[in-house]
């Protein structure tokens, strides 16, 4: 406990593991929902998974947009980071570049990707990753998102993500 707050404190390493455990649980939940939709409804089920992920991404991106607008800030790739839509711990990333025109990061640890690779469901899991372009588009339609490689790909050690503001 700290003297000022009298609230219990846990070590950072334990907090990271707690977040990664929750990430694993959510990744597994996504997998079983998506797998069962595709198994039961075939192509229509897969289309539904794509639709749900797009809508979810749009929702999350619009929530970030509202908060950035409330701060009176421009909707730049750099400012997107000011309102985290994922925990700041549990994921590990290298920030390559972040400014008003571009946000480029290389994610080295993603609890979702780790869980999906352990299960062996990279193909259906990759649909979930469509959330990122949907988030950025809802946040600012002038931002184009691309992923140059993914942790779900064989041999890849990072998820290389770039969000750039178009002219």
Foldseek 3Di string as FASTA:
>chain_A
DDPPPPDDDDDLVVVLVVQLVVLLVVLVVLVVQLVVQCVVPPPVSLVVSLVVLLVVLLVLLLVLLVVCVVVVHDLFPQSSVVDDPGDPHNWDKDFPDHDRFKTKIWTQGRSSLVNCVVVPNLVSSVSNVVSVQSSSCSNPVQKGKDWPDPSSDPPDRTTIIMIGGHD
